[in-house]
Amino acid sequence: GAIFYASGLVFAVSAAVLVLRDLCLALAGRLGEA
């Protein structure tokens, strides 16, 4: 049954990496106003 709940784990880790990437781009000034 762990396979079923592993989907949430994969999403959480992947989402955190993507959110941190966007934050780093914003802090580095690489994001336009749009």
PDB file of all heavy atoms in Angstrom:
ATOM      1  N   GLY A   1       0.800  -1.215   0.000  1.00  0.00           N
ATOM      2  CA  GLY A   1       0.000   0.000   0.000  1.00  0.00           C
ATOM      3  C   GLY A   1       0.832   1.264   0.000  1.00  0.00           C
ATOM      4  O   GLY A   1       0.323   2.346  -0.296  1.00  0.00           O
ATOM      5  N   ALA A   2       2.135   1.128   0.302  1.00  0.00           N
ATOM      6  CA  ALA A   2       3.008   2.298   0.291  1.00  0.00           C
ATOM      7  C   ALA A   2       3.148   2.886  -1.103  1.00  0.00           C
ATOM      8  O   ALA A   2       3.407   4.086  -1.256  1.00  0.00           O
ATOM      9  CB  ALA A   2       4.384   1.916   0.835  1.00  0.00           C
ATOM     10  N   ILE A   3       2.980   2.057  -2.144  1.00  0.00           N
ATOM     11  CA  ILE A   3       3.099   2.551  -3.518  1.00  0.00           C
ATOM     12  C   ILE A   3       2.059   3.636  -3.774  1.00  0.00           C
ATOM     13  O   ILE A   3       2.324   4.618  -4.460  1.00  0.00           O
ATOM     14  CB  ILE A   3       2.935   1.388  -4.512  1.00  0.00           C
ATOM     15  CG1 ILE A   3       4.039   0.354  -4.284  1.00  0.00           C
ATOM     16  CG2 ILE A   3       2.955   1.894  -5.945  1.00  0.00           C
ATOM     17  CD1 ILE A   3       3.878  -0.893  -5.133  1.00  0.00           C
ATOM     18  N   PHE A   4       0.869   3.445  -3.237  1.00  0.00           N
ATOM     19  CA  PHE A   4      -0.216   4.405  -3.434  1.00  0.00           C
ATOM     20  C   PHE A   4       0.155   5.763  -2.846  1.00  0.00           C
ATOM     21  O   PHE A   4      -0.036   6.811  -3.481  1.00  0.00           O
ATOM     22  CB  PHE A   4      -1.487   3.859  -2.787  1.00  0.00           C
ATOM     23  CG  PHE A   4      -2.690   4.737  -2.960  1.00  0.00           C
ATOM     24  CD1 PHE A   4      -3.461   4.666  -4.105  1.00  0.00           C
ATOM     25  CD2 PHE A   4      -3.051   5.642  -1.970  1.00  0.00           C
ATOM     26  CE1 PHE A   4      -4.576   5.474  -4.269  1.00  0.00           C
ATOM     27  CE2 PHE A   4      -4.168   6.448  -2.126  1.00  0.00           C
ATOM     28  CZ  PHE A   4      -4.926   6.366  -3.276  1.00  0.00           C
ATOM     29  N   TYR A   5       0.702   5.776  -1.641  1.00  0.00           N
ATOM     30  CA  TYR A   5       1.004   7.035  -0.955  1.00  0.00           C
ATOM     31  C   TYR A   5       2.336   7.627  -1.393  1.00  0.00           C
ATOM     32  O   TYR A   5       2.613   8.802  -1.104  1.00  0.00           O
ATOM     33  CB  TYR A   5       1.002   6.816   0.555  1.00  0.00           C
ATOM     34  CG  TYR A   5      -0.351   6.428   1.091  1.00  0.00           C
ATOM     35  CD1 TYR A   5      -0.662   5.092   1.342  1.00  0.00           C
ATOM     36  CD2 TYR A   5      -1.334   7.374   1.322  1.00  0.00           C
ATOM     37  CE1 TYR A   5      -1.915   4.728   1.824  1.00  0.00           C
ATOM     38  CE2 TYR A   5      -2.583   7.022   1.800  1.00  0.00           C
ATOM     39  CZ  TYR A   5      -2.864   5.695   2.045  1.00  0.00           C
ATOM     40  OH  TYR A   5      -4.105   5.339   2.506  1.00  0.00           O
ATOM     41  N   ALA A   6       3.145   6.858  -2.100  1.00  0.00           N
ATOM     42  CA  ALA A   6       4.422   7.382  -2.583  1.00  0.00           C
ATOM     43  C   ALA A   6       4.215   8.478  -3.615  1.00  0.00           C
ATOM     44  O   ALA A   6       5.101   9.321  -3.819  1.00  0.00           O
ATOM     45  CB  ALA A   6       5.263   6.254  -3.176  1.00  0.00           C
ATOM     46  N   SER A   7       3.057   8.504  -4.252  1.00  0.00           N
ATOM     47  CA  SER A   7       2.776   9.559  -5.228  1.00  0.00           C
ATOM     48  C   SER A   7       2.796  10.941  -4.564  1.00  0.00           C
ATOM     49  O   SER A   7       3.304  11.908  -5.140  1.00  0.00           O
ATOM     50  CB  SER A   7       1.426   9.307  -5.894  1.00  0.00           C
ATOM     51  OG  SER A   7       0.390   9.238  -4.915  1.00  0.00           O
ATOM     52  N   GLY A   8       2.256  11.032  -3.373  1.00  0.00           N
ATOM     53  CA  GLY A   8       2.282  12.309  -2.648  1.00  0.00           C
ATOM     54  C   GLY A   8       3.692  12.714  -2.274  1.00  0.00           C
ATOM     55  O   GLY A   8       4.034  13.903  -2.299  1.00  0.00           O
ATOM     56  N   LEU A   9       4.526  11.730  -1.939  1.00  0.00           N
ATOM     57  CA  LEU A   9       5.914  12.014  -1.589  1.00  0.00           C
ATOM     58  C   LEU A   9       6.673  12.557  -2.798  1.00  0.00           C
ATOM     59  O   LEU A   9       7.418  13.537  -2.682  1.00  0.00           O
ATOM     60  CB  LEU A   9       6.578  10.740  -1.064  1.00  0.00           C
ATOM     61  CG  LEU A   9       7.973  10.895  -0.468  1.00  0.00           C
ATOM     62  CD1 LEU A   9       7.911  11.665   0.843  1.00  0.00           C
ATOM     63  CD2 LEU A   9       8.602   9.522  -0.229  1.00  0.00           C
ATOM     64  N   VAL A  10       6.486  11.923  -3.947  1.00  0.00           N
ATOM     65  CA  VAL A  10       7.154  12.377  -5.170  1.00  0.00           C
ATOM     66  C   VAL A  10       6.716  13.790  -5.523  1.00  0.00           C
ATOM     67  O   VAL A  10       7.535  14.641  -5.887  1.00  0.00           O
ATOM     68  CB  VAL A  10       6.859  11.404  -6.329  1.00  0.00           C
ATOM     69  CG1 VAL A  10       7.373  11.969  -7.653  1.00  0.00           C
ATOM     70  CG2 VAL A  10       7.485  10.046  -6.058  1.00  0.00           C
ATOM     71  N   PHE A  11       5.423  14.047  -5.412  1.00  0.00           N
ATOM     72  CA  PHE A  11       4.937  15.392  -5.720  1.00  0.00           C
ATOM     73  C   PHE A  11       5.507  16.423  -4.766  1.00  0.00           C
ATOM     74  O   PHE A  11       5.913  17.514  -5.178  1.00  0.00           O
ATOM     75  CB  PHE A  11       3.412  15.437  -5.674  1.00  0.00           C
ATOM     76  CG  PHE A  11       2.867  16.830  -5.779  1.00  0.00           C
ATOM     77  CD1 PHE A  11       2.803  17.471  -7.006  1.00  0.00           C
ATOM     78  CD2 PHE A  11       2.448  17.525  -4.648  1.00  0.00           C
ATOM     79  CE1 PHE A  11       2.327  18.768  -7.112  1.00  0.00           C
ATOM     80  CE2 PHE A  11       1.968  18.802  -4.747  1.00  0.00           C
ATOM     81  CZ  PHE A  11       1.900  19.440  -5.979  1.00  0.00           C
ATOM     82  N   ALA A  12       5.531  16.108  -3.470  1.00  0.00           N
ATOM     83  CA  ALA A  12       6.008  17.072  -2.479  1.00  0.00           C
ATOM     84  C   ALA A  12       7.461  17.458  -2.737  1.00  0.00           C
ATOM     85  O   ALA A  12       7.815  18.647  -2.716  1.00  0.00           O
ATOM     86  CB  ALA A  12       5.841  16.495  -1.075  1.00  0.00           C
ATOM     87  N   VAL A  13       8.309  16.465  -2.998  1.00  0.00           N
ATOM     88  CA  VAL A  13       9.728  16.742  -3.241  1.00  0.00           C
ATOM     89  C   VAL A  13       9.899  17.528  -4.542  1.00  0.00           C
ATOM     90  O   VAL A  13      10.631  18.520  -4.600  1.00  0.00           O
ATOM     91  CB  VAL A  13      10.524  15.425  -3.287  1.00  0.00           C
ATOM     92  CG1 VAL A  13      11.979  15.691  -3.693  1.00  0.00           C
ATOM     93  CG2 VAL A  13      10.479  14.729  -1.935  1.00  0.00           C
ATOM     94  N   SER A  14       9.215  17.087  -5.607  1.00  0.00           N
ATOM     95  CA  SER A  14       9.337  17.764  -6.895  1.00  0.00           C
ATOM     96  C   SER A  14       8.816  19.191  -6.817  1.00  0.00           C
ATOM     97  O   SER A  14       9.436  20.122  -7.349  1.00  0.00           O
ATOM     98  CB  SER A  14       8.567  16.986  -7.967  1.00  0.00           C
ATOM     99  OG  SER A  14       9.032  15.656  -8.071  1.00  0.00           O
ATOM    100  N   ALA A  15       7.683  19.385  -6.155  1.00  0.00           N
ATOM    101  CA  ALA A  15       7.116  20.727  -6.036  1.00  0.00           C
ATOM    102  C   ALA A  15       8.036  21.640  -5.239  1.00  0.00           C
ATOM    103  O   ALA A  15       8.213  22.815  -5.594  1.00  0.00           O
ATOM    104  CB  ALA A  15       5.738  20.655  -5.381  1.00  0.00           C
ATOM    105  N   ALA A  16       8.617  21.124  -4.167  1.00  0.00           N
ATOM    106  CA  ALA A  16       9.526  21.949  -3.363  1.00  0.00           C
ATOM    107  C   ALA A  16      10.728  22.394  -4.183  1.00  0.00           C
ATOM    108  O   ALA A  16      11.158  23.558  -4.095  1.00  0.00           O
ATOM    109  CB  ALA A  16       9.979  21.163  -2.135  1.00  0.00           C
ATOM    110  N   VAL A  17      11.276  21.495  -5.003  1.00  0.00           N
ATOM    111  CA  VAL A  17      12.425  21.852  -5.842  1.00  0.00           C
ATOM    112  C   VAL A  17      12.038  22.938  -6.849  1.00  0.00           C
ATOM    113  O   VAL A  17      12.769  23.916  -7.051  1.00  0.00           O
ATOM    114  CB  VAL A  17      12.965  20.607  -6.565  1.00  0.00           C
ATOM    115  CG1 VAL A  17      14.019  20.996  -7.606  1.00  0.00           C
ATOM    116  CG2 VAL A  17      13.565  19.629  -5.567  1.00  0.00           C
ATOM    117  N   LEU A  18      10.883  22.782  -7.479  1.00  0.00           N
ATOM    118  CA  LEU A  18      10.442  23.770  -8.466  1.00  0.00           C
ATOM    119  C   LEU A  18      10.158  25.125  -7.822  1.00  0.00           C
ATOM    120  O   LEU A  18      10.487  26.180  -8.385  1.00  0.00           O
ATOM    121  CB  LEU A  18       9.198  23.255  -9.180  1.00  0.00           C
ATOM    122  CG  LEU A  18       9.393  22.044 -10.087  1.00  0.00           C
ATOM    123  CD1 LEU A  18       8.066  21.564 -10.638  1.00  0.00           C
ATOM    124  CD2 LEU A  18      10.358  22.365 -11.222  1.00  0.00           C
ATOM    125  N   VAL A  19       9.543  25.115  -6.643  1.00  0.00           N
ATOM    126  CA  VAL A  19       9.256  26.372  -5.951  1.00  0.00           C
ATOM    127  C   VAL A  19      10.548  27.060  -5.535  1.00  0.00           C
ATOM    128  O   VAL A  19      10.696  28.291  -5.687  1.00  0.00           O
ATOM    129  CB  VAL A  19       8.350  26.106  -4.733  1.00  0.00           C
ATOM    130  CG1 VAL A  19       8.235  27.355  -3.868  1.00  0.00           C
ATOM    131  CG2 VAL A  19       6.967  25.661  -5.179  1.00  0.00           C
ATOM    132  N   LEU A  20      11.506  26.297  -5.018  1.00  0.00           N
ATOM    133  CA  LEU A  20      12.801  26.875  -4.647  1.00  0.00           C
ATOM    134  C   LEU A  20      13.523  27.431  -5.867  1.00  0.00           C
ATOM    135  O   LEU A  20      14.178  28.482  -5.780  1.00  0.00           O
ATOM    136  CB  LEU A  20      13.667  25.812  -3.968  1.00  0.00           C
ATOM    137  CG  LEU A  20      13.274  25.447  -2.531  1.00  0.00           C
ATOM    138  CD1 LEU A  20      14.109  24.257  -2.045  1.00  0.00           C
ATOM    139  CD2 LEU A  20      13.469  26.627  -1.598  1.00  0.00           C
ATOM    140  N   ARG A  21      13.392  26.754  -7.003  1.00  0.00           N
ATOM    141  CA  ARG A  21      14.004  27.251  -8.240  1.00  0.00           C
ATOM    142  C   ARG A  21      13.405  28.594  -8.624  1.00  0.00           C
ATOM    143  O   ARG A  21      14.135  29.534  -8.985  1.00  0.00           O
ATOM    144  CB  ARG A  21      13.807  26.237  -9.362  1.00  0.00           C
ATOM    145  CG  ARG A  21      14.241  26.712 -10.739  1.00  0.00           C
ATOM    146  CD  ARG A  21      14.114  25.594 -11.757  1.00  0.00           C
ATOM    147  NE  ARG A  21      14.360  26.081 -13.103  1.00  0.00           N
ATOM    148  CZ  ARG A  21      13.424  26.500 -13.944  1.00  0.00           C
ATOM    149  NH1 ARG A  21      12.152  26.479 -13.553  1.00  0.00           N
ATOM    150  NH2 ARG A  21      13.726  26.922 -15.155  1.00  0.00           N
ATOM    151  N   ASP A  22      12.085  28.718  -8.554  1.00  0.00           N
ATOM    152  CA  ASP A  22      11.452  29.992  -8.877  1.00  0.00           C
ATOM    153  C   ASP A  22      11.876  31.093  -7.906  1.00  0.00           C
ATOM    154  O   ASP A  22      12.084  32.245  -8.309  1.00  0.00           O
ATOM    155  CB  ASP A  22       9.927  29.844  -8.853  1.00  0.00           C
ATOM    156  CG  ASP A  22       9.397  29.079 -10.055  1.00  0.00           C
ATOM    157  OD1 ASP A  22      10.115  29.008 -11.074  1.00  0.00           O
ATOM    158  OD2 ASP A  22       8.277  28.539  -9.974  1.00  0.00           O
ATOM    159  N   LEU A  23      12.005  30.736  -6.632  1.00  0.00           N
ATOM    160  CA  LEU A  23      12.452  31.726  -5.657  1.00  0.00           C
ATOM    161  C   LEU A  23      13.876  32.197  -5.958  1.00  0.00           C
ATOM    162  O   LEU A  23      14.178  33.395  -5.866  1.00  0.00           O
ATOM    163  CB  LEU A  23      12.381  31.124  -4.246  1.00  0.00           C
ATOM    164  CG  LEU A  23      11.007  31.111  -3.573  1.00  0.00           C
ATOM    165  CD1 LEU A  23      11.095  30.398  -2.228  1.00  0.00           C
ATOM    166  CD2 LEU A  23      10.473  32.517  -3.390  1.00  0.00           C
ATOM    167  N   CYS A  24      14.754  31.261  -6.317  1.00  0.00           N
ATOM    168  CA  CYS A  24      16.133  31.634  -6.646  1.00  0.00           C
ATOM    169  C   CYS A  24      16.182  32.535  -7.877  1.00  0.00           C
ATOM    170  O   CYS A  24      16.943  33.505  -7.929  1.00  0.00           O
ATOM    171  CB  CYS A  24      16.973  30.376  -6.879  1.00  0.00           C
ATOM    172  SG  CYS A  24      17.278  29.397  -5.390  1.00  0.00           S
ATOM    173  N   LEU A  25      15.357  32.222  -8.886  1.00  0.00           N
ATOM    174  CA  LEU A  25      15.311  33.066 -10.081  1.00  0.00           C
ATOM    175  C   LEU A  25      14.801  34.463  -9.746  1.00  0.00           C
ATOM    176  O   LEU A  25      15.307  35.462 -10.278  1.00  0.00           O
ATOM    177  CB  LEU A  25      14.408  32.418 -11.141  1.00  0.00           C
ATOM    178  CG  LEU A  25      14.932  31.134 -11.792  1.00  0.00           C
ATOM    179  CD1 LEU A  25      13.883  30.551 -12.726  1.00  0.00           C
ATOM    180  CD2 LEU A  25      16.227  31.393 -12.543  1.00  0.00           C
ATOM    181  N   ALA A  26      13.813  34.535  -8.855  1.00  0.00           N
ATOM    182  CA  ALA A  26      13.285  35.842  -8.458  1.00  0.00           C
ATOM    183  C   ALA A  26      14.329  36.636  -7.675  1.00  0.00           C
ATOM    184  O   ALA A  26      14.503  37.840  -7.897  1.00  0.00           O
ATOM    185  CB  ALA A  26      12.017  35.664  -7.636  1.00  0.00           C
ATOM    186  N   LEU A  27      15.026  35.973  -6.762  1.00  0.00           N
ATOM    187  CA  LEU A  27      16.047  36.656  -5.972  1.00  0.00           C
ATOM    188  C   LEU A  27      17.215  37.124  -6.842  1.00  0.00           C
ATOM    189  O   LEU A  27      17.829  38.156  -6.564  1.00  0.00           O
ATOM    190  CB  LEU A  27      16.563  35.732  -4.866  1.00  0.00           C
ATOM    191  CG  LEU A  27      15.586  35.458  -3.713  1.00  0.00           C
ATOM    192  CD1 LEU A  27      16.146  34.378  -2.798  1.00  0.00           C
ATOM    193  CD2 LEU A  27      15.311  36.726  -2.930  1.00  0.00           C
ATOM    194  N   ALA A  28      17.518  36.347  -7.900  1.00  0.00           N
ATOM    195  CA  ALA A  28      18.618  36.715  -8.787  1.00  0.00           C
ATOM    196  C   ALA A  28      18.207  37.748  -9.829  1.00  0.00           C
ATOM    197  O   ALA A  28      19.034  38.180 -10.628  1.00  0.00           O
ATOM    198  CB  ALA A  28      19.152  35.462  -9.488  1.00  0.00           C
ATOM    199  N   GLY A  29      16.946  38.139  -9.812  1.00  0.00           N
ATOM    200  CA  GLY A  29      16.470  39.133 -10.764  1.00  0.00           C
ATOM    201  C   GLY A  29      16.306  38.613 -12.175  1.00  0.00           C
ATOM    202  O   GLY A  29      16.368  39.375 -13.138  1.00  0.00           O
ATOM    203  N   ARG A  30      16.091  37.317 -12.312  1.00  0.00           N
ATOM    204  CA  ARG A  30      15.970  36.702 -13.641  1.00  0.00           C
ATOM    205  C   ARG A  30      14.519  36.576 -14.101  1.00  0.00           C
ATOM    206  O   ARG A  30      14.266  35.981 -15.147  1.00  0.00           O
ATOM    207  CB  ARG A  30      16.641  35.324 -13.644  1.00  0.00           C
ATOM    208  CG  ARG A  30      18.147  35.390 -13.421  1.00  0.00           C
ATOM    209  CD  ARG A  30      18.760  33.991 -13.384  1.00  0.00           C
ATOM    210  NE  ARG A  30      20.198  34.067 -13.182  1.00  0.00           N
ATOM    211  CZ  ARG A  30      21.086  34.143 -14.172  1.00  0.00           C
ATOM    212  NH1 ARG A  30      20.658  34.150 -15.427  1.00  0.00           N
ATOM    213  NH2 ARG A  30      22.377  34.213 -13.927  1.00  0.00           N
ATOM    214  N   LEU A  31      13.593  37.085 -13.313  1.00  0.00           N
ATOM    215  CA  LEU A  31      12.183  37.038 -13.684  1.00  0.00           C
ATOM    216  C   LEU A  31      11.702  38.425 -14.059  1.00  0.00           C
ATOM    217  O   LEU A  31      11.943  39.387 -13.325  1.00  0.00           O
ATOM    218  CB  LEU A  31      11.331  36.487 -12.531  1.00  0.00           C
ATOM    219  CG  LEU A  31      11.572  35.028 -12.119  1.00  0.00           C
ATOM    220  CD1 LEU A  31      10.653  34.660 -10.964  1.00  0.00           C
ATOM    221  CD2 LEU A  31      11.353  34.075 -13.285  1.00  0.00           C
ATOM    222  N   GLY A  32      11.045  38.536 -15.200  1.00  0.00           N
ATOM    223  CA  GLY A  32      10.459  39.800 -15.588  1.00  0.00           C
ATOM    224  C   GLY A  32       9.205  40.086 -14.788  1.00  0.00           C
ATOM    225  O   GLY A  32       8.698  39.228 -14.061  1.00  0.00           O
ATOM    226  N   GLU A  33       8.685  41.289 -14.944  1.00  0.00           N
ATOM    227  CA  GLU A  33       7.495  41.660 -14.174  1.00  0.00           C
ATOM    228  C   GLU A  33       6.308  40.769 -14.524  1.00  0.00           C
ATOM    229  O   GLU A  33       5.520  40.389 -13.650  1.00  0.00           O
ATOM    230  CB  GLU A  33       7.149  43.129 -14.430  1.00  0.00           C
ATOM    231  CG  GLU A  33       5.990  43.624 -13.580  1.00  0.00           C
ATOM    232  CD  GLU A  33       5.767  45.118 -13.703  1.00  0.00           C
ATOM    233  OE1 GLU A  33       6.548  45.780 -14.426  1.00  0.00           O
ATOM    234  OE2 GLU A  33       4.809  45.626 -13.072  1.00  0.00           O
ATOM    235  N   ALA A  34       6.181  40.399 -15.793  1.00  0.00           N
ATOM    236  CA  ALA A  34       5.068  39.525 -16.197  1.00  0.00           C
ATOM    237  C   ALA A  34       5.223  38.122 -15.616  1.00  0.00           C
ATOM    238  O   ALA A  34       4.232  37.431 -15.364  1.00  0.00           O
ATOM    239  CB  ALA A  34       4.990  39.456 -17.721  1.00  0.00           C
TER     240      ALA A  34
END
